[in-house]
C-alpha atoms as a PDB file:
ATOM      1  CA  MET A   1     -18.237  84.985  70.606  1.00  0.00           C
ATOM      2  CA  LEU A   2     -19.331  83.765  74.013  1.00  0.00           C
ATOM      3  CA  PRO A   3     -22.272  85.303  75.871  1.00  0.00           C
ATOM      4  CA  VAL A   4     -19.938  86.640  78.568  1.00  0.00           C
ATOM      5  CA  GLN A   5     -17.817  88.336  75.889  1.00  0.00           C
ATOM      6  CA  CYS A   6     -20.920  90.079  74.574  1.00  0.00           C
ATOM      7  CA  LYS A   7     -21.743  91.372  78.030  1.00  0.00           C
ATOM      8  CA  MET A   8     -18.121  92.461  78.667  1.00  0.00           C
ATOM      9  CA  ALA A   9     -17.970  94.223  75.303  1.00  0.00           C
ATOM     10  CA  ARG A  10     -21.229  96.087  75.928  1.00  0.00           C
ATOM     11  CA  THR A  11     -19.977  97.177  79.335  1.00  0.00           C
ATOM     12  CA  ALA A  12     -16.622  98.343  77.959  1.00  0.00           C
ATOM     13  CA  LEU A  13     -18.426 100.413  75.329  1.00  0.00           C
ATOM     14  CA  SER A  14     -21.108 101.662  77.756  1.00  0.00           C
ATOM     15  CA  LEU A  15     -23.785 100.240  75.463  1.00  0.00           C
ATOM     16  CA  GLY A  16     -27.172  99.246  76.760  1.00  0.00           C
ATOM     17  CA  ILE A  17     -28.968  96.178  75.507  1.00  0.00           C
ATOM     18  CA  ARG A  18     -31.357  98.282  73.409  1.00  0.00           C
ATOM     19  CA  LYS A  19     -28.520 100.178  71.717  1.00  0.00           C
ATOM     20  CA  LEU A  20     -26.626  96.997  70.828  1.00  0.00           C
ATOM     21  CA  ALA A  21     -29.850  95.483  69.512  1.00  0.00           C
ATOM     22  CA  GLU A  22     -30.350  98.550  67.331  1.00  0.00           C
ATOM     23  CA  LEU A  23     -26.769  98.427  66.023  1.00  0.00           C
ATOM     24  CA  ALA A  24     -27.081  94.714  65.220  1.00  0.00           C
ATOM     25  CA  SER A  25     -30.628  94.973  63.811  1.00  0.00           C
ATOM     26  CA  VAL A  26     -32.002  92.440  66.273  1.00  0.00           C
ATOM     27  CA  SER A  27     -34.486  92.707  69.120  1.00  0.00           C
ATOM     28  CA  SER A  28     -33.372  93.625  72.624  1.00  0.00           C
ATOM     29  CA  ASN A  29     -34.898  90.331  73.760  1.00  0.00           C
ATOM     30  CA  THR A  30     -32.461  88.537  71.449  1.00  0.00           C
ATOM     31  CA  VAL A  31     -29.488  90.255  73.102  1.00  0.00           C
ATOM     32  CA  SER A  32     -30.824  89.390  76.562  1.00  0.00           C
ATOM     33  CA  ARG A  33     -31.410  85.761  75.597  1.00  0.00           C
ATOM     34  CA  PHE A  34     -27.889  85.439  74.197  1.00  0.00           C
ATOM     35  CA  GLU A  35     -26.256  86.999  77.248  1.00  0.00           C
ATOM     36  CA  ALA A  36     -28.291  84.625  79.445  1.00  0.00           C
ATOM     37  CA  GLY A  37     -26.704  81.695  77.602  1.00  0.00           C
ATOM     38  CA  GLU A  38     -29.419  80.766  75.124  1.00  0.00           C
ATOM     39  CA  GLU A  39     -28.126  79.443  71.836  1.00  0.00           C
ATOM     40  CA  LEU A  40     -28.890  81.657  68.837  1.00  0.00           C
ATOM     41  CA  LYS A  41     -28.531  81.167  65.113  1.00  0.00           C
ATOM     42  CA  PRO A  42     -24.911  81.698  63.974  1.00  0.00           C
ATOM     43  CA  ARG A  43     -25.900  84.621  61.744  1.00  0.00           C
ATOM     44  CA  THR A  44     -27.501  86.384  64.732  1.00  0.00           C
ATOM     45  CA  VAL A  45     -24.383  85.933  66.863  1.00  0.00           C
ATOM     46  CA  GLU A  46     -22.312  87.222  63.949  1.00  0.00           C
ATOM     47  CA  ALA A  47     -24.533  90.318  63.679  1.00  0.00           C
ATOM     48  CA  LEU A  48     -23.965  91.043  67.382  1.00  0.00           C
ATOM     49  CA  ARG A  49     -20.232  90.450  67.089  1.00  0.00           C
ATOM     50  CA  SER A  50     -19.940  92.627  63.989  1.00  0.00           C
ATOM     51  CA  ALA A  51     -21.820  95.478  65.662  1.00  0.00           C
ATOM     52  CA  LEU A  52     -19.528  95.316  68.703  1.00  0.00           C
ATOM     53  CA  GLU A  53     -16.393  95.158  66.550  1.00  0.00           C
ATOM     54  CA  SER A  54     -17.579  98.156  64.533  1.00  0.00           C
ATOM     55  CA  ALA A  55     -18.087 100.016  67.804  1.00  0.00           C
ATOM     56  CA  GLY A  56     -14.464  99.388  68.808  1.00  0.00           C
ATOM     57  CA  VAL A  57     -14.104  95.989  70.483  1.00  0.00           C
ATOM     58  CA  ILE A  58     -11.496  93.334  69.739  1.00  0.00           C
ATOM     59  CA  PHE A  59     -12.414  89.799  70.766  1.00  0.00           C
ATOM     60  CA  VAL A  60      -9.658  87.786  72.434  1.00  0.00           C
ATOM     61  CA  GLU A  61     -10.025  84.056  71.885  1.00  0.00           C
ATOM     62  CA  GLU A  62      -9.409  81.397  74.521  1.00  0.00           C
ATOM     63  CA  ASN A  63      -5.684  81.157  75.231  1.00  0.00           C
ATOM     64  CA  GLY A  64      -5.612  79.061  78.371  1.00  0.00           C
ATOM     65  CA  GLU A  65      -6.753  81.957  80.551  1.00  0.00           C
ATOM     66  CA  GLY A  66     -10.260  82.340  79.163  1.00  0.00           C
ATOM     67  CA  ALA A  67     -11.798  84.330  76.355  1.00  0.00           C
ATOM     68  CA  GLY A  68     -12.083  88.098  76.687  1.00  0.00           C
ATOM     69  CA  VAL A  69     -12.398  91.465  74.989  1.00  0.00           C
ATOM     70  CA  ARG A  70     -10.433  94.658  74.757  1.00  0.00           C
ATOM     71  CA  LEU A  71     -11.033  98.074  73.268  1.00  0.00           C
ATOM     72  CA  ARG A  72      -9.379  98.914  69.986  1.00  0.00           C
ATOM     73  CA  LYS A  73      -6.674 101.526  70.293  1.00  0.00           C
ATOM     74  CA  ASP A  74      -7.844 104.874  68.957  1.00  0.00           C
ATOM     75  CA  LYS A  75      -5.501 105.491  66.030  1.00  0.00           C
ATOM     76  CA  THR A  76      -6.016 109.249  66.233  1.00  0.00           C
ATOM     77  CA  ASN A  77      -4.409 109.225  69.714  1.00  0.00           C
ATOM     78  CA  ALA A  78      -1.639 106.744  68.907  1.00  0.00           C
ATOM     79  CA  ALA A  79       1.953 107.894  69.012  1.00  0.00           C
ATOM     80  CA  PRO A  80       3.723 107.865  65.624  1.00  0.00           C
END
């Protein structure tokens, strides 16, 4: 996960930095540092990513157009 993907995912989910920090069991300063481009330990980035995925984000890897995110389709509203 790239820092910009973290920020995009938080925005898509309407999550503040403090809420994501709580969900990932890290400090809000850690989230801010990551989104500012500071390198974190892989396990910390994975905790952030896992929290965002659990909240409903799908990470889109680099495909020539840049990495991104999208919201998971709500299966309860999906057509059969």
